[in-house]
Amino acid sequence: MGKTATLKCKAMLANGKVIDPGKKPFSFRVGAGRAIKGWDVVVSKMRVGDSFTILLPMKLAYGPSRGDLKFDMELISVK
């Protein structure tokens, strides 16, 4: 928590339809509320080089507007 994480991340609807191919890495400060809630939880448990596929319920993602979301994530760095 409190460190800046950089991820490669592809975002999908729960059915697998890609909504963001994640062509550029994304950086955010873990625990600062600048990314969706579920990312703070998951990324705080990752180590550099870990790759996870996660399914986040809508309450930990963007809410009912997008529903549950799936992410393919790889943690590139933590600073």
PDB file of N, CA and C in Angstrom:
ATOM      1  N   MET A   1       0.839  -1.188   0.000  1.00  0.00           N
ATOM      2  CA  MET A   1       0.000   0.000   0.000  1.00  0.00           C
ATOM      3  C   MET A   1       0.885   1.252   0.000  1.00  0.00           C
ATOM      4  N   GLY A   2       0.444   2.269  -0.732  1.00  0.00           N
ATOM      5  CA  GLY A   2       1.170   3.528  -0.777  1.00  0.00           C
ATOM      6  C   GLY A   2       2.246   3.619  -1.840  1.00  0.00           C
ATOM      7  N   LYS A   3       2.587   2.506  -2.464  1.00  0.00           N
ATOM      8  CA  LYS A   3       3.603   2.520  -3.519  1.00  0.00           C
ATOM      9  C   LYS A   3       2.927   2.596  -4.876  1.00  0.00           C
ATOM     10  N   THR A   4       3.684   3.015  -5.889  1.00  0.00           N
ATOM     11  CA  THR A   4       3.150   3.105  -7.242  1.00  0.00           C
ATOM     12  C   THR A   4       3.394   1.795  -7.974  1.00  0.00           C
ATOM     13  N   ALA A   5       2.307   1.197  -8.419  1.00  0.00           N
ATOM     14  CA  ALA A   5       2.365  -0.061  -9.160  1.00  0.00           C
ATOM     15  C   ALA A   5       2.141   0.232 -10.638  1.00  0.00           C
ATOM     16  N   THR A   6       2.869  -0.484 -11.488  1.00  0.00           N
ATOM     17  CA  THR A   6       2.674  -0.387 -12.926  1.00  0.00           C
ATOM     18  C   THR A   6       2.278  -1.764 -13.435  1.00  0.00           C
ATOM     19  N   LEU A   7       1.178  -1.796 -14.182  1.00  0.00           N
ATOM     20  CA  LEU A   7       0.592  -3.050 -14.648  1.00  0.00           C
ATOM     21  C   LEU A   7       0.412  -3.065 -16.152  1.00  0.00           C
ATOM     22  N   LYS A   8       0.491  -4.261 -16.717  1.00  0.00           N
ATOM     23  CA  LYS A   8      -0.082  -4.529 -18.032  1.00  0.00           C
ATOM     24  C   LYS A   8      -1.447  -5.116 -17.692  1.00  0.00           C
ATOM     25  N   CYS A   9      -2.496  -4.621 -18.340  1.00  0.00           N
ATOM     26  CA  CYS A   9      -3.821  -5.077 -17.956  1.00  0.00           C
ATOM     27  C   CYS A   9      -4.790  -5.024 -19.121  1.00  0.00           C
ATOM     28  N   LYS A  10      -5.474  -6.128 -19.361  1.00  0.00           N
ATOM     29  CA  LYS A  10      -6.546  -6.181 -20.350  1.00  0.00           C
ATOM     30  C   LYS A  10      -7.856  -6.295 -19.584  1.00  0.00           C
ATOM     31  N   ALA A  11      -8.823  -5.430 -19.915  1.00  0.00           N
ATOM     32  CA  ALA A  11     -10.123  -5.420 -19.234  1.00  0.00           C
ATOM     33  C   ALA A  11     -11.189  -6.045 -20.129  1.00  0.00           C
ATOM     34  N   MET A  12     -12.025  -6.873 -19.506  1.00  0.00           N
ATOM     35  CA  MET A  12     -13.091  -7.554 -20.236  1.00  0.00           C
ATOM     36  C   MET A  12     -14.372  -7.545 -19.419  1.00  0.00           C
ATOM     37  N   LEU A  13     -15.492  -7.680 -20.108  1.00  0.00           N
ATOM     38  CA  LEU A  13     -16.735  -7.947 -19.410  1.00  0.00           C
ATOM     39  C   LEU A  13     -16.638  -9.371 -18.868  1.00  0.00           C
ATOM     40  N   ALA A  14     -17.516  -9.736 -17.962  1.00  0.00           N
ATOM     41  CA  ALA A  14     -17.467 -11.074 -17.375  1.00  0.00           C
ATOM     42  C   ALA A  14     -17.576 -12.175 -18.423  1.00  0.00           C
ATOM     43  N   ASN A  15     -18.235 -11.886 -19.566  1.00  0.00           N
ATOM     44  CA  ASN A  15     -18.383 -12.894 -20.620  1.00  0.00           C
ATOM     45  C   ASN A  15     -17.150 -13.011 -21.519  1.00  0.00           C
ATOM     46  N   GLY A  16     -16.114 -12.180 -21.249  1.00  0.00           N
ATOM     47  CA  GLY A  16     -14.868 -12.244 -22.006  1.00  0.00           C
ATOM     48  C   GLY A  16     -14.738 -11.205 -23.103  1.00  0.00           C
ATOM     49  N   LYS A  17     -15.798 -10.431 -23.380  1.00  0.00           N
ATOM     50  CA  LYS A  17     -15.712  -9.391 -24.410  1.00  0.00           C
ATOM     51  C   LYS A  17     -14.736  -8.314 -23.954  1.00  0.00           C
ATOM     52  N   VAL A  18     -13.708  -8.042 -24.767  1.00  0.00           N
ATOM     53  CA  VAL A  18     -12.660  -7.080 -24.421  1.00  0.00           C
ATOM     54  C   VAL A  18     -13.219  -5.653 -24.505  1.00  0.00           C
ATOM     55  N   ILE A  19     -13.042  -4.888 -23.417  1.00  0.00           N
ATOM     56  CA  ILE A  19     -13.461  -3.486 -23.419  1.00  0.00           C
ATOM     57  C   ILE A  19     -12.260  -2.542 -23.394  1.00  0.00           C
ATOM     58  N   ASP A  20     -11.097  -3.057 -23.020  1.00  0.00           N
ATOM     59  CA  ASP A  20      -9.846  -2.289 -23.085  1.00  0.00           C
ATOM     60  C   ASP A  20      -8.718  -3.289 -23.292  1.00  0.00           C
ATOM     61  N   PRO A  21      -8.073  -3.260 -24.465  1.00  0.00           N
ATOM     62  CA  PRO A  21      -7.020  -4.234 -24.733  1.00  0.00           C
ATOM     63  C   PRO A  21      -5.745  -4.012 -23.931  1.00  0.00           C
ATOM     64  N   GLY A  22      -5.635  -2.872 -23.255  1.00  0.00           N
ATOM     65  CA  GLY A  22      -4.484  -2.626 -22.396  1.00  0.00           C
ATOM     66  C   GLY A  22      -3.170  -2.548 -23.134  1.00  0.00           C
ATOM     67  N   LYS A  23      -3.139  -1.796 -24.201  1.00  0.00           N
ATOM     68  CA  LYS A  23      -1.917  -1.693 -24.999  1.00  0.00           C
ATOM     69  C   LYS A  23      -0.813  -0.911 -24.301  1.00  0.00           C
ATOM     70  N   LYS A  24      -1.180  -0.026 -23.373  1.00  0.00           N
ATOM     71  CA  LYS A  24      -0.184   0.759 -22.638  1.00  0.00           C
ATOM     72  C   LYS A  24      -0.225   0.384 -21.161  1.00  0.00           C
ATOM     73  N   PRO A  25       0.918   0.279 -20.494  1.00  0.00           N
ATOM     74  CA  PRO A  25       0.918   0.012 -19.054  1.00  0.00           C
ATOM     75  C   PRO A  25       0.170   1.111 -18.287  1.00  0.00           C
ATOM     76  N   PHE A  26      -0.377   0.738 -17.154  1.00  0.00           N
ATOM     77  CA  PHE A  26      -1.137   1.650 -16.304  1.00  0.00           C
ATOM     78  C   PHE A  26      -0.459   1.712 -14.943  1.00  0.00           C
ATOM     79  N   SER A  27      -0.239   2.923 -14.429  1.00  0.00           N
ATOM     80  CA  SER A  27       0.385   3.111 -13.110  1.00  0.00           C
ATOM     81  C   SER A  27      -0.581   3.807 -12.176  1.00  0.00           C
ATOM     82  N   PHE A  28      -0.569   3.397 -10.907  1.00  0.00           N
ATOM     83  CA  PHE A  28      -1.387   4.043  -9.887  1.00  0.00           C
ATOM     84  C   PHE A  28      -0.796   3.786  -8.512  1.00  0.00           C
ATOM     85  N   ARG A  29      -1.130   4.656  -7.575  1.00  0.00           N
ATOM     86  CA  ARG A  29      -0.678   4.489  -6.194  1.00  0.00           C
ATOM     87  C   ARG A  29      -1.652   3.550  -5.484  1.00  0.00           C
ATOM     88  N   VAL A  30      -1.162   2.425  -5.024  1.00  0.00           N
ATOM     89  CA  VAL A  30      -1.995   1.408  -4.392  1.00  0.00           C
ATOM     90  C   VAL A  30      -2.556   1.948  -3.075  1.00  0.00           C
ATOM     91  N   GLY A  31      -3.871   1.845  -2.924  1.00  0.00           N
ATOM     92  CA  GLY A  31      -4.544   2.267  -1.694  1.00  0.00           C
ATOM     93  C   GLY A  31      -4.960   3.723  -1.669  1.00  0.00           C
ATOM     94  N   ALA A  32      -4.663   4.479  -2.729  1.00  0.00           N
ATOM     95  CA  ALA A  32      -4.972   5.913  -2.756  1.00  0.00           C
ATOM     96  C   ALA A  32      -6.353   6.194  -3.359  1.00  0.00           C
ATOM     97  N   GLY A  33      -7.080   5.160  -3.773  1.00  0.00           N
ATOM     98  CA  GLY A  33      -8.396   5.355  -4.350  1.00  0.00           C
ATOM     99  C   GLY A  33      -8.382   5.896  -5.765  1.00  0.00           C
ATOM    100  N   ARG A  34      -7.261   5.754  -6.477  1.00  0.00           N
ATOM    101  CA  ARG A  34      -7.149   6.274  -7.845  1.00  0.00           C
ATOM    102  C   ARG A  34      -7.431   5.213  -8.902  1.00  0.00           C
ATOM    103  N   ALA A  35      -7.640   4.005  -8.480  1.00  0.00           N
ATOM    104  CA  ALA A  35      -8.023   2.917  -9.388  1.00  0.00           C
ATOM    105  C   ALA A  35      -9.256   2.252  -8.772  1.00  0.00           C
ATOM    106  N   ILE A  36      -9.829   1.307  -9.473  1.00  0.00           N
ATOM    107  CA  ILE A  36     -11.007   0.651  -8.921  1.00  0.00           C
ATOM    108  C   ILE A  36     -10.640  -0.104  -7.637  1.00  0.00           C
ATOM    109  N   LYS A  37     -11.612  -0.229  -6.741  1.00  0.00           N
ATOM    110  CA  LYS A  37     -11.365  -0.804  -5.411  1.00  0.00           C
ATOM    111  C   LYS A  37     -10.712  -2.182  -5.464  1.00  0.00           C
ATOM    112  N   GLY A  38     -11.180  -3.010  -6.356  1.00  0.00           N
ATOM    113  CA  GLY A  38     -10.649  -4.369  -6.445  1.00  0.00           C
ATOM    114  C   GLY A  38      -9.177  -4.427  -6.791  1.00  0.00           C
ATOM    115  N   TRP A  39      -8.712  -3.447  -7.560  1.00  0.00           N
ATOM    116  CA  TRP A  39      -7.286  -3.419  -7.900  1.00  0.00           C
ATOM    117  C   TRP A  39      -6.438  -3.167  -6.672  1.00  0.00           C
ATOM    118  N   ASP A  40      -6.861  -2.274  -5.800  1.00  0.00           N
ATOM    119  CA  ASP A  40      -6.101  -2.028  -4.567  1.00  0.00           C
ATOM    120  C   ASP A  40      -5.926  -3.327  -3.787  1.00  0.00           C
ATOM    121  N   VAL A  41      -6.987  -4.104  -3.712  1.00  0.00           N
ATOM    122  CA  VAL A  41      -6.950  -5.373  -2.960  1.00  0.00           C
ATOM    123  C   VAL A  41      -6.007  -6.366  -3.631  1.00  0.00           C
ATOM    124  N   VAL A  42      -6.186  -6.580  -4.914  1.00  0.00           N
ATOM    125  CA  VAL A  42      -5.415  -7.603  -5.632  1.00  0.00           C
ATOM    126  C   VAL A  42      -3.947  -7.221  -5.782  1.00  0.00           C
ATOM    127  N   VAL A  43      -3.688  -5.996  -6.231  1.00  0.00           N
ATOM    128  CA  VAL A  43      -2.302  -5.591  -6.497  1.00  0.00           C
ATOM    129  C   VAL A  43      -1.472  -5.565  -5.219  1.00  0.00           C
ATOM    130  N   SER A  44      -2.094  -5.270  -4.089  1.00  0.00           N
ATOM    131  CA  SER A  44      -1.344  -5.257  -2.826  1.00  0.00           C
ATOM    132  C   SER A  44      -0.834  -6.654  -2.453  1.00  0.00           C
ATOM    133  N   LYS A  45      -1.381  -7.679  -3.074  1.00  0.00           N
ATOM    134  CA  LYS A  45      -0.955  -9.058  -2.795  1.00  0.00           C
ATOM    135  C   LYS A  45      -0.047  -9.636  -3.873  1.00  0.00           C
ATOM    136  N   MET A  46       0.167  -8.876  -4.961  1.00  0.00           N
ATOM    137  CA  MET A  46       0.995  -9.351  -6.071  1.00  0.00           C
ATOM    138  C   MET A  46       2.467  -9.030  -5.844  1.00  0.00           C
ATOM    139  N   ARG A  47       3.319  -9.780  -6.520  1.00  0.00           N
ATOM    140  CA  ARG A  47       4.758  -9.506  -6.571  1.00  0.00           C
ATOM    141  C   ARG A  47       5.112  -9.194  -8.011  1.00  0.00           C
ATOM    142  N   VAL A  48       6.155  -8.413  -8.210  1.00  0.00           N
ATOM    143  CA  VAL A  48       6.598  -8.082  -9.566  1.00  0.00           C
ATOM    144  C   VAL A  48       6.791  -9.378 -10.357  1.00  0.00           C
ATOM    145  N   GLY A  49       6.205  -9.413 -11.541  1.00  0.00           N
ATOM    146  CA  GLY A  49       6.278 -10.594 -12.401  1.00  0.00           C
ATOM    147  C   GLY A  49       5.054 -11.485 -12.315  1.00  0.00           C
ATOM    148  N   ASP A  50       4.236 -11.326 -11.255  1.00  0.00           N
ATOM    149  CA  ASP A  50       3.013 -12.116 -11.139  1.00  0.00           C
ATOM    150  C   ASP A  50       2.038 -11.749 -12.246  1.00  0.00           C
ATOM    151  N   SER A  51       1.325 -12.754 -12.746  1.00  0.00           N
ATOM    152  CA  SER A  51       0.241 -12.559 -13.713  1.00  0.00           C
ATOM    153  C   SER A  51      -1.001 -13.216 -13.144  1.00  0.00           C
ATOM    154  N   PHE A  52      -2.073 -12.452 -13.047  1.00  0.00           N
ATOM    155  CA  PHE A  52      -3.332 -12.955 -12.516  1.00  0.00           C
ATOM    156  C   PHE A  52      -4.441 -12.695 -13.514  1.00  0.00           C
ATOM    157  N   THR A  53      -5.424 -13.561 -13.553  1.00  0.00           N
ATOM    158  CA  THR A  53      -6.702 -13.282 -14.182  1.00  0.00           C
ATOM    159  C   THR A  53      -7.696 -13.212 -13.041  1.00  0.00           C
ATOM    160  N   ILE A  54      -8.370 -12.070 -12.917  1.00  0.00           N
ATOM    161  CA  ILE A  54      -9.299 -11.877 -11.802  1.00  0.00           C
ATOM    162  C   ILE A  54     -10.686 -11.526 -12.329  1.00  0.00           C
ATOM    163  N   LEU A  55     -11.691 -11.933 -11.592  1.00  0.00           N
ATOM    164  CA  LEU A  55     -13.066 -11.563 -11.868  1.00  0.00           C
ATOM    165  C   LEU A  55     -13.528 -10.738 -10.685  1.00  0.00           C
ATOM    166  N   LEU A  56     -13.816  -9.467 -10.947  1.00  0.00           N
ATOM    167  CA  LEU A  56     -14.241  -8.567  -9.873  1.00  0.00           C
ATOM    168  C   LEU A  56     -15.744  -8.362  -9.919  1.00  0.00           C
ATOM    169  N   PRO A  57     -16.418  -8.508  -8.775  1.00  0.00           N
ATOM    170  CA  PRO A  57     -17.836  -8.182  -8.740  1.00  0.00           C
ATOM    171  C   PRO A  57     -18.017  -6.681  -8.941  1.00  0.00           C
ATOM    172  N   MET A  58     -19.175  -6.286  -9.448  1.00  0.00           N
ATOM    173  CA  MET A  58     -19.407  -4.879  -9.787  1.00  0.00           C
ATOM    174  C   MET A  58     -19.143  -3.930  -8.628  1.00  0.00           C
ATOM    175  N   LYS A  59     -19.363  -4.355  -7.382  1.00  0.00           N
ATOM    176  CA  LYS A  59     -19.137  -3.453  -6.245  1.00  0.00           C
ATOM    177  C   LYS A  59     -17.655  -3.144  -6.040  1.00  0.00           C
ATOM    178  N   LEU A  60     -16.754  -3.973  -6.571  1.00  0.00           N
ATOM    179  CA  LEU A  60     -15.315  -3.711  -6.487  1.00  0.00           C
ATOM    180  C   LEU A  60     -14.751  -3.203  -7.814  1.00  0.00           C
ATOM    181  N   ALA A  61     -15.635  -3.019  -8.792  1.00  0.00           N
ATOM    182  CA  ALA A  61     -15.211  -2.509 -10.108  1.00  0.00           C
ATOM    183  C   ALA A  61     -15.837  -1.129 -10.322  1.00  0.00           C
ATOM    184  N   TYR A  62     -16.633  -0.972 -11.370  1.00  0.00           N
ATOM    185  CA  TYR A  62     -17.224   0.329 -11.700  1.00  0.00           C
ATOM    186  C   TYR A  62     -18.688   0.440 -11.310  1.00  0.00           C
ATOM    187  N   GLY A  63     -19.214  -0.567 -10.615  1.00  0.00           N
ATOM    188  CA  GLY A  63     -20.615  -0.533 -10.225  1.00  0.00           C
ATOM    189  C   GLY A  63     -21.511  -1.135 -11.296  1.00  0.00           C
ATOM    190  N   PRO A  64     -22.831  -0.944 -11.135  1.00  0.00           N
ATOM    191  CA  PRO A  64     -23.796  -1.573 -12.039  1.00  0.00           C
ATOM    192  C   PRO A  64     -23.688  -1.144 -13.502  1.00  0.00           C
ATOM    193  N   SER A  65     -23.056  -0.008 -13.770  1.00  0.00           N
ATOM    194  CA  SER A  65     -22.976   0.470 -15.154  1.00  0.00           C
ATOM    195  C   SER A  65     -22.240  -0.508 -16.063  1.00  0.00           C
ATOM    196  N   ARG A  66     -21.293  -1.260 -15.534  1.00  0.00           N
ATOM    197  CA  ARG A  66     -20.539  -2.228 -16.352  1.00  0.00           C
ATOM    198  C   ARG A  66     -20.689  -3.658 -15.848  1.00  0.00           C
ATOM    199  N   GLY A  67     -21.218  -3.834 -14.646  1.00  0.00           N
ATOM    200  CA  GLY A  67     -21.369  -5.183 -14.095  1.00  0.00           C
ATOM    201  C   GLY A  67     -20.042  -5.751 -13.623  1.00  0.00           C
ATOM    202  N   ASP A  68     -20.000  -7.069 -13.482  1.00  0.00           N
ATOM    203  CA  ASP A  68     -18.771  -7.754 -13.085  1.00  0.00           C
ATOM    204  C   ASP A  68     -17.758  -7.641 -14.226  1.00  0.00           C
ATOM    205  N   LEU A  69     -16.484  -7.520 -13.873  1.00  0.00           N
ATOM    206  CA  LEU A  69     -15.435  -7.379 -14.883  1.00  0.00           C
ATOM    207  C   LEU A  69     -14.327  -8.391 -14.659  1.00  0.00           C
ATOM    208  N   LYS A  70     -13.685  -8.768 -15.754  1.00  0.00           N
ATOM    209  CA  LYS A  70     -12.548  -9.689 -15.720  1.00  0.00           C
ATOM    210  C   LYS A  70     -11.319  -8.921 -16.192  1.00  0.00           C
ATOM    211  N   PHE A  71     -10.179  -9.177 -15.540  1.00  0.00           N
ATOM    212  CA  PHE A  71      -8.931  -8.514 -15.914  1.00  0.00           C
ATOM    213  C   PHE A  71      -7.814  -9.539 -16.009  1.00  0.00           C
ATOM    214  N   ASP A  72      -7.009  -9.447 -17.080  1.00  0.00           N
ATOM    215  CA  ASP A  72      -5.731 -10.154 -17.164  1.00  0.00           C
ATOM    216  C   ASP A  72      -4.693  -9.120 -16.757  1.00  0.00           C
ATOM    217  N   MET A  73      -3.995  -9.369 -15.651  1.00  0.00           N
ATOM    218  CA  MET A  73      -3.064  -8.378 -15.096  1.00  0.00           C
ATOM    219  C   MET A  73      -1.677  -8.979 -14.938  1.00  0.00           C
ATOM    220  N   GLU A  74      -0.661  -8.170 -15.214  1.00  0.00           N
ATOM    221  CA  GLU A  74       0.731  -8.539 -14.919  1.00  0.00           C
ATOM    222  C   GLU A  74       1.373  -7.349 -14.226  1.00  0.00           C
ATOM    223  N   LEU A  75       1.930  -7.597 -13.051  1.00  0.00           N
ATOM    224  CA  LEU A  75       2.599  -6.529 -12.312  1.00  0.00           C
ATOM    225  C   LEU A  75       4.018  -6.359 -12.854  1.00  0.00           C
ATOM    226  N   ILE A  76       4.271  -5.178 -13.440  1.00  0.00           N
ATOM    227  CA  ILE A  76       5.562  -4.898 -14.065  1.00  0.00           C
ATOM    228  C   ILE A  76       6.562  -4.342 -13.069  1.00  0.00           C
ATOM    229  N   SER A  77       6.097  -3.387 -12.228  1.00  0.00           N
ATOM    230  CA  SER A  77       7.021  -2.780 -11.256  1.00  0.00           C
ATOM    231  C   SER A  77       6.258  -2.180 -10.086  1.00  0.00           C
ATOM    232  N   VAL A  78       6.985  -1.986  -8.998  1.00  0.00           N
ATOM    233  CA  VAL A  78       6.470  -1.310  -7.805  1.00  0.00           C
ATOM    234  C   VAL A  78       7.583  -0.380  -7.340  1.00  0.00           C
ATOM    235  N   LYS A  79       7.215   0.893  -7.142  1.00  0.00           N
ATOM    236  CA  LYS A  79       8.201   1.885  -6.693  1.00  0.00           C
ATOM    237  C   LYS A  79       7.659   2.659  -5.520  1.00  0.00           C
TER     238      LYS A  79
END
